[in-house]
Amino acid sequence: MNRFMKKVKIFLIAALLSLNSTASAVSNDFCDDLDPLLNECNSVSSHYINNSSQLHNDLTPADDEHGVFIPLPYDSTDATNFLRLLGVVGIMMVFDQQIMDTVQDHRSDTTDRIASFGYYLGGQDGIPHFLLGSLATALVFRNENLRRTTLSSIGNLALTGAIVEILKSLSHRHRPRQGDGPYSYDGASWPSDNTSFPSGHSVAAWSIATIFATNYRETRWVPIVAYSLATIVSLSRVNDNAHWLSDVTMSAGIAYFVGKLFRRRSSEDRQYSGGLTISPAALLGGVGVSIQWTPRTCRNSDDTNCSPQVDYLFDEEQEE
């Protein structure tokens, strides 16, 4: 029995040694077959990465190449003026109730008729009719400046409208006609019908008035008429007990400052303004969009450290 068990052990040991040798041979053969495949994979991967880098360089323009540029013409003076606007609005909020009481005490049929006209101008009927009429006039008479001014107004109106809706959703200020006082806010709650701050009618009127008044500043009556009509729209909302004075003042300020996104006063000033450059960009595995911030760098034409020469969205004065 002992002799039989020894023979079994010897057989098992021999079998294990044989299997080990066979496994080693198979493993070596498998690795020999796999090495060319791995080398090919490494080659393909390196080629893809190199091509992706080249694609990124081809699609992403350098600072001095052509791109789409949205000017953000804000400097320290603009920031200071905007802070002053916030201060004025803050002071108005303190006296909103007293101002509203005075306005309502002096309300009359005449003020109501004027307010009705202002409500139409800044409403969903007046604004589209004016813009469509302006664009049609520009196309019929081939007035390029009027066409660009109208398109800039539409762009300014779209952006300021989005800002207003965000502020309304975050504040949900109660309207004066509700009798809850000027300090009643629901905050970022949903749903809420309290959307007093800021005024949508006012921001629409001032968005268009700012662009037209700036583009046609050489024609003296245009800024006077534009800002006068926008003021009527704003005051109509106060007369109708629909908005506090601070609401419409904030709306006018937003429309004015955002309007600078779509209008520069001269081609030289545009060249040296800061802003956002939007261009295509290649990423590993796909194509995306590159957004680059360019700060305001210089004012004088002989200064070599300037912003890139690029196109402008809603630009009203194209380079020849």
Protein backbone atom coordinates (compact mmCIF):
# COMPACT_ATOMS: atom_id res chain seq x y z
CA MET A 1 0.00 0.00 0.00
CA ASN A 2 2.82 2.33 0.90
CA ARG A 3 4.59 1.45 -2.32
CA PHE A 4 1.38 2.23 -4.29
CA MET A 5 0.98 5.64 -2.63
CA LYS A 6 4.56 6.54 -3.45
CA LYS A 7 3.92 5.70 -7.12
CA VAL A 8 0.81 7.91 -7.07
CA LYS A 9 2.75 10.83 -5.58
CA ILE A 10 5.52 10.44 -8.15
CA PHE A 11 2.89 10.39 -10.95
CA LEU A 12 1.20 13.52 -9.64
CA ILE A 13 4.49 15.37 -9.31
CA ALA A 14 5.44 14.40 -12.87
CA ALA A 15 2.04 15.50 -14.15
CA LEU A 16 2.31 18.88 -12.40
CA LEU A 17 5.77 19.46 -13.84
CA SER A 18 4.47 18.60 -17.30
CA LEU A 19 1.50 20.96 -16.95
CA ASN A 20 3.78 23.74 -15.73
CA SER A 21 6.06 23.35 -18.73
CA THR A 22 3.09 23.34 -21.10
CA ALA A 23 1.58 26.41 -19.43
CA SER A 24 4.87 28.27 -19.67
CA ALA A 25 5.16 27.43 -23.35
CA VAL A 26 1.57 28.54 -24.02
CA SER A 27 2.09 31.72 -22.01
CA ASN A 28 5.26 32.56 -23.91
CA ASP A 29 3.55 31.89 -27.27
CA PHE A 30 0.54 34.01 -26.20
CA CYS A 31 2.76 36.89 -25.14
CA ASP A 32 4.70 36.64 -28.38
CA ASP A 33 1.43 36.93 -30.28
CA LEU A 34 0.15 39.74 -28.03
CA ASP A 35 3.22 42.00 -28.22
CA PRO A 36 2.62 43.11 -31.85
CA LEU A 37 -1.01 43.91 -30.96
CA LEU A 38 0.03 45.99 -27.96
CA ASN A 39 2.63 47.80 -30.02
CA GLU A 40 -0.01 48.55 -32.67
CA CYS A 41 -2.39 49.85 -29.97
CA ASN A 42 0.32 52.11 -28.57
CA SER A 43 1.07 53.39 -32.06
CA VAL A 44 -2.61 54.14 -32.76
CA SER A 45 -3.02 55.85 -29.38
CA SER A 46 0.06 58.04 -29.92
CA HIS A 47 -1.15 58.92 -33.42
CA TYR A 48 -4.62 59.85 -32.08
CA ILE A 49 -3.20 62.03 -29.32
CA ASN A 50 -0.85 63.78 -31.73
CA ASN A 51 -3.66 64.36 -34.21
CA SER A 52 -5.94 65.64 -31.43
CA SER A 53 -3.26 68.11 -30.37
CA GLN A 54 -2.87 69.24 -33.97
CA LEU A 55 -6.66 69.51 -34.35
CA HIS A 56 -6.80 71.62 -31.20
CA ASN A 57 -4.13 73.93 -32.59
CA ASP A 58 -5.95 74.15 -35.93
CA LEU A 59 -9.37 74.88 -34.49
CA THR A 60 -8.40 77.11 -31.56
CA PRO A 61 -7.37 80.52 -32.94
CA ALA A 62 -4.47 82.39 -31.47
CA ASP A 63 -4.91 85.84 -30.00
CA ASP A 64 -4.12 87.52 -33.29
CA GLU A 65 -6.40 85.35 -35.42
CA HIS A 66 -10.02 85.70 -36.40
CA GLY A 67 -12.72 84.94 -33.85
CA VAL A 68 -16.15 86.05 -32.65
CA PHE A 69 -15.80 88.79 -30.06
CA ILE A 70 -18.45 90.10 -27.66
CA PRO A 71 -17.18 93.37 -26.18
CA LEU A 72 -17.54 93.97 -22.45
CA PRO A 73 -16.65 97.65 -22.30
CA TYR A 74 -16.60 98.00 -18.53
CA ASP A 75 -13.77 99.75 -16.74
CA SER A 76 -13.32 101.20 -13.26
CA THR A 77 -15.52 104.19 -14.12
CA ASP A 78 -18.35 101.94 -15.26
CA ALA A 79 -18.06 99.84 -12.11
CA THR A 80 -18.15 102.99 -9.98
CA ASN A 81 -21.24 104.25 -11.78
CA PHE A 82 -22.99 100.91 -11.35
CA LEU A 83 -22.24 100.97 -7.62
CA ARG A 84 -23.70 104.47 -7.51
CA LEU A 85 -26.82 103.14 -9.21
CA LEU A 86 -27.14 100.45 -6.55
CA GLY A 87 -26.76 103.14 -3.89
CA VAL A 88 -29.49 105.28 -5.45
CA VAL A 89 -31.81 102.27 -5.72
CA GLY A 90 -31.11 101.42 -2.09
CA ILE A 91 -32.01 104.94 -0.97
CA MET A 92 -35.17 104.84 -3.08
CA MET A 93 -36.22 101.63 -1.40
CA VAL A 94 -36.16 103.44 1.93
CA PHE A 95 -38.56 106.09 0.61
CA ASP A 96 -40.57 103.91 -1.80
CA GLN A 97 -43.72 104.05 0.28
CA GLN A 98 -43.66 107.84 0.70
CA ILE A 99 -43.00 108.33 -3.01
CA MET A 100 -45.81 105.99 -3.95
CA ASP A 101 -48.24 107.73 -1.62
CA THR A 102 -47.39 111.08 -3.21
CA VAL A 103 -47.83 109.73 -6.74
CA GLN A 104 -51.19 108.18 -5.95
CA ASP A 105 -52.38 111.35 -4.22
CA HIS A 106 -51.73 113.31 -7.42
CA ARG A 107 -53.04 110.68 -9.80
CA SER A 108 -55.60 111.97 -12.34
CA ASP A 109 -57.28 111.11 -15.60
CA THR A 110 -54.48 112.88 -17.45
CA THR A 111 -51.76 110.84 -15.77
CA ASP A 112 -53.78 107.68 -16.38
CA ARG A 113 -54.04 108.44 -20.11
CA ILE A 114 -50.31 109.09 -20.32
CA ALA A 115 -49.66 105.91 -18.33
CA SER A 116 -51.88 103.92 -20.69
CA PHE A 117 -49.75 105.11 -23.60
CA GLY A 118 -46.58 104.21 -21.70
CA TYR A 119 -47.93 100.77 -20.84
CA TYR A 120 -48.50 100.10 -24.52
CA LEU A 121 -45.03 101.32 -25.53
CA GLY A 122 -43.25 98.99 -23.13
CA GLY A 123 -45.65 96.07 -23.41
CA GLN A 124 -45.98 92.96 -25.51
CA ASP A 125 -47.73 94.91 -28.26
CA GLY A 126 -45.70 98.08 -28.55
CA ILE A 127 -42.17 96.61 -28.43
CA PRO A 128 -42.62 93.96 -31.18
CA HIS A 129 -44.50 96.41 -33.41
CA PHE A 130 -41.76 98.99 -33.08
CA LEU A 131 -38.92 96.54 -33.74
CA LEU A 132 -40.63 94.94 -36.71
CA GLY A 133 -41.47 98.34 -38.15
CA SER A 134 -37.92 99.54 -37.65
CA LEU A 135 -36.44 96.45 -39.29
CA ALA A 136 -38.87 96.61 -42.20
CA THR A 137 -38.05 100.28 -42.76
CA ALA A 138 -34.33 99.48 -42.74
CA LEU A 139 -34.76 96.73 -45.32
CA VAL A 140 -37.07 98.69 -47.62
CA PHE A 141 -34.87 101.81 -47.65
CA ARG A 142 -31.62 99.82 -47.36
CA ASN A 143 -30.61 101.73 -44.26
CA GLU A 144 -27.72 99.67 -42.87
CA ASN A 145 -27.27 101.73 -39.73
CA LEU A 146 -30.94 101.36 -38.81
CA ARG A 147 -30.77 97.61 -39.47
CA ARG A 148 -27.75 97.15 -37.20
CA THR A 149 -29.27 99.39 -34.55
CA THR A 150 -32.46 97.33 -34.55
CA LEU A 151 -30.55 94.06 -34.31
CA SER A 152 -28.46 95.46 -31.46
CA SER A 153 -31.67 96.50 -29.70
CA ILE A 154 -33.06 92.99 -30.04
CA GLY A 155 -29.87 91.52 -28.61
CA ASN A 156 -29.85 93.97 -25.72
CA LEU A 157 -33.54 93.30 -25.08
CA ALA A 158 -32.99 89.53 -25.00
CA LEU A 159 -30.12 89.72 -22.53
CA THR A 160 -31.73 92.24 -20.21
CA GLY A 161 -34.98 90.28 -20.32
CA ALA A 162 -33.15 87.17 -19.10
CA ILE A 163 -31.52 89.16 -16.28
CA VAL A 164 -34.87 90.62 -15.23
CA GLU A 165 -36.52 87.20 -15.10
CA ILE A 166 -33.71 85.88 -12.90
CA LEU A 167 -34.00 88.83 -10.51
CA LYS A 168 -37.78 88.48 -10.38
CA SER A 169 -37.47 84.78 -9.55
CA LEU A 170 -34.91 85.43 -6.82
CA SER A 171 -36.69 88.34 -5.13
CA HIS A 172 -40.45 87.94 -5.69
CA ARG A 173 -41.08 91.42 -4.36
CA HIS A 174 -44.69 92.33 -3.68
CA ARG A 175 -46.29 94.95 -5.89
CA PRO A 176 -47.40 98.24 -4.29
CA ARG A 177 -51.06 97.62 -5.21
CA GLN A 178 -51.07 94.63 -2.85
CA GLY A 179 -50.67 96.91 0.17
CA ASP A 180 -47.96 94.81 1.83
CA GLY A 181 -45.36 97.59 1.85
CA PRO A 182 -42.07 97.96 -0.03
CA TYR A 183 -40.19 95.44 2.12
CA SER A 184 -42.30 92.37 1.36
CA TYR A 185 -40.31 89.71 -0.47
CA ASP A 186 -41.01 86.00 -0.94
CA GLY A 187 -37.45 85.22 -1.98
CA ALA A 188 -36.60 82.36 -4.29
CA SER A 189 -39.93 80.61 -3.81
CA TRP A 190 -42.15 78.88 -6.34
CA PRO A 191 -44.81 79.49 -7.41
CA SER A 192 -45.22 83.19 -6.72
CA ASP A 193 -47.10 85.94 -8.55
CA ASN A 194 -45.13 88.69 -6.77
CA THR A 195 -42.76 89.93 -9.46
CA SER A 196 -42.38 93.64 -8.83
CA PHE A 197 -38.58 93.85 -8.87
CA PRO A 198 -37.45 94.85 -11.43
CA SER A 199 -39.90 96.14 -14.04
CA GLY A 200 -40.09 94.23 -17.31
CA HIS A 201 -41.79 97.10 -19.16
CA SER A 202 -39.12 99.56 -18.04
CA VAL A 203 -36.16 97.36 -18.90
CA ALA A 204 -37.60 96.71 -22.38
CA ALA A 205 -38.10 100.41 -23.08
CA TRP A 206 -34.69 101.43 -21.78
CA SER A 207 -32.92 98.59 -23.61
CA ILE A 208 -34.14 99.92 -26.95
CA ALA A 209 -33.81 103.59 -26.01
CA THR A 210 -30.16 103.17 -24.96
CA ILE A 211 -29.14 101.59 -28.27
CA PHE A 212 -31.02 104.08 -30.47
CA ALA A 213 -29.90 107.09 -28.45
CA THR A 214 -26.26 106.00 -28.63
CA ASN A 215 -26.21 105.02 -32.30
CA TYR A 216 -27.98 108.22 -33.35
CA ARG A 217 -26.35 110.54 -30.84
CA GLU A 218 -25.31 112.89 -33.67
CA THR A 219 -29.00 113.48 -34.39
CA ARG A 220 -29.89 115.43 -31.28
CA TRP A 221 -33.62 114.80 -31.25
CA VAL A 222 -33.24 111.00 -31.27
CA PRO A 223 -31.70 110.65 -27.76
CA ILE A 224 -34.20 113.17 -26.38
CA VAL A 225 -37.18 111.31 -27.82
CA ALA A 226 -35.81 107.86 -26.98
CA TYR A 227 -35.08 108.59 -23.32
CA SER A 228 -38.30 110.60 -22.92
CA LEU A 229 -40.43 107.71 -24.14
CA ALA A 230 -38.54 105.28 -21.90
CA THR A 231 -39.13 107.60 -18.93
CA ILE A 232 -42.87 107.70 -19.71
CA VAL A 233 -42.93 103.89 -19.71
CA SER A 234 -41.18 103.75 -16.32
CA LEU A 235 -43.34 106.39 -14.68
CA SER A 236 -46.49 104.77 -16.05
CA ARG A 237 -45.74 101.70 -13.98
CA VAL A 238 -45.47 103.83 -10.85
CA ASN A 239 -48.64 105.73 -11.71
CA ASP A 240 -50.53 102.46 -12.18
CA ASN A 241 -49.43 101.31 -8.72
CA ALA A 242 -47.74 98.32 -10.39
CA HIS A 243 -44.09 99.01 -9.49
CA TRP A 244 -42.13 100.92 -6.90
CA LEU A 245 -39.88 103.73 -8.11
CA SER A 246 -36.83 101.68 -7.12
CA ASP A 247 -38.06 98.87 -9.42
CA VAL A 248 -38.14 101.02 -12.54
CA THR A 249 -34.89 102.81 -11.66
CA MET A 250 -33.04 99.51 -11.35
CA SER A 251 -34.53 98.43 -14.67
CA ALA A 252 -33.25 101.53 -16.42
CA GLY A 253 -29.76 101.00 -14.97
CA ILE A 254 -29.62 97.36 -16.04
CA ALA A 255 -30.72 98.22 -19.57
CA TYR A 256 -28.15 100.98 -19.88
CA PHE A 257 -25.14 98.99 -18.66
CA VAL A 258 -26.00 95.84 -20.55
CA GLY A 259 -26.54 97.99 -23.64
CA LYS A 260 -22.81 98.60 -23.70
CA LEU A 261 -22.34 94.97 -24.67
CA PHE A 262 -23.77 95.74 -28.10
CA ARG A 263 -22.56 99.21 -28.83
CA ARG A 264 -19.11 100.81 -28.84
CA ARG A 265 -18.75 104.51 -29.54
CA SER A 266 -16.01 104.24 -32.15
CA SER A 267 -14.09 101.57 -34.02
CA GLU A 268 -10.86 102.62 -32.27
CA ASP A 269 -12.43 102.25 -28.84
CA ARG A 270 -13.85 98.84 -29.82
CA GLN A 271 -10.40 97.68 -30.85
CA TYR A 272 -9.04 98.20 -27.36
CA SER A 273 -12.02 97.06 -25.34
CA GLY A 274 -12.06 93.93 -23.25
CA GLY A 275 -14.51 91.13 -23.79
CA LEU A 276 -15.16 87.48 -24.54
CA THR A 277 -13.74 85.65 -27.55
CA ILE A 278 -15.82 82.62 -28.56
CA SER A 279 -14.16 80.12 -30.89
CA PRO A 280 -14.21 76.38 -31.71
CA ALA A 281 -11.83 74.16 -29.77
CA ALA A 282 -10.82 70.50 -30.09
CA LEU A 283 -10.90 68.28 -27.01
CA LEU A 284 -9.71 64.71 -26.64
CA GLY A 285 -12.55 62.77 -28.19
CA GLY A 286 -14.60 65.66 -29.53
CA VAL A 287 -14.99 69.30 -30.49
CA GLY A 288 -16.12 72.00 -28.07
CA VAL A 289 -16.27 75.76 -27.67
CA SER A 290 -13.51 77.90 -26.24
CA ILE A 291 -14.48 81.05 -24.30
CA GLN A 292 -11.55 83.38 -23.67
CA TRP A 293 -11.61 86.54 -21.57
CA THR A 294 -9.58 89.44 -22.96
CA PRO A 295 -9.10 92.35 -20.54
CA ARG A 296 -9.03 95.94 -21.70
CA THR A 297 -5.36 96.51 -22.49
CA CYS A 298 -4.84 99.90 -24.16
CA ARG A 299 -6.47 103.04 -25.48
CA ASN A 300 -4.06 104.51 -28.04
CA SER A 301 -3.55 103.17 -31.55
CA ASP A 302 0.26 103.28 -31.17
CA ASP A 303 0.16 100.91 -28.18
CA THR A 304 1.15 97.41 -29.32
CA ASN A 305 -0.39 95.53 -26.38
CA CYS A 306 -4.01 95.54 -27.55
CA SER A 307 -6.98 93.23 -27.80
CA PRO A 308 -7.19 90.95 -30.88
CA GLN A 309 -8.79 92.14 -34.11
CA VAL A 310 -11.99 90.14 -34.29
CA ASP A 311 -15.64 90.34 -35.35
CA TYR A 312 -18.35 91.85 -33.18
CA LEU A 313 -21.80 90.49 -32.48
CA PHE A 314 -24.50 93.00 -33.46
CA ASP A 315 -21.76 95.44 -34.47
CA GLU A 316 -23.16 98.55 -36.02
CA GLU A 317 -19.94 99.77 -37.67
CA GLN A 318 -18.11 97.13 -39.71
CA GLU A 319 -14.51 97.68 -40.75
CA GLU A 320 -14.07 98.39 -44.45
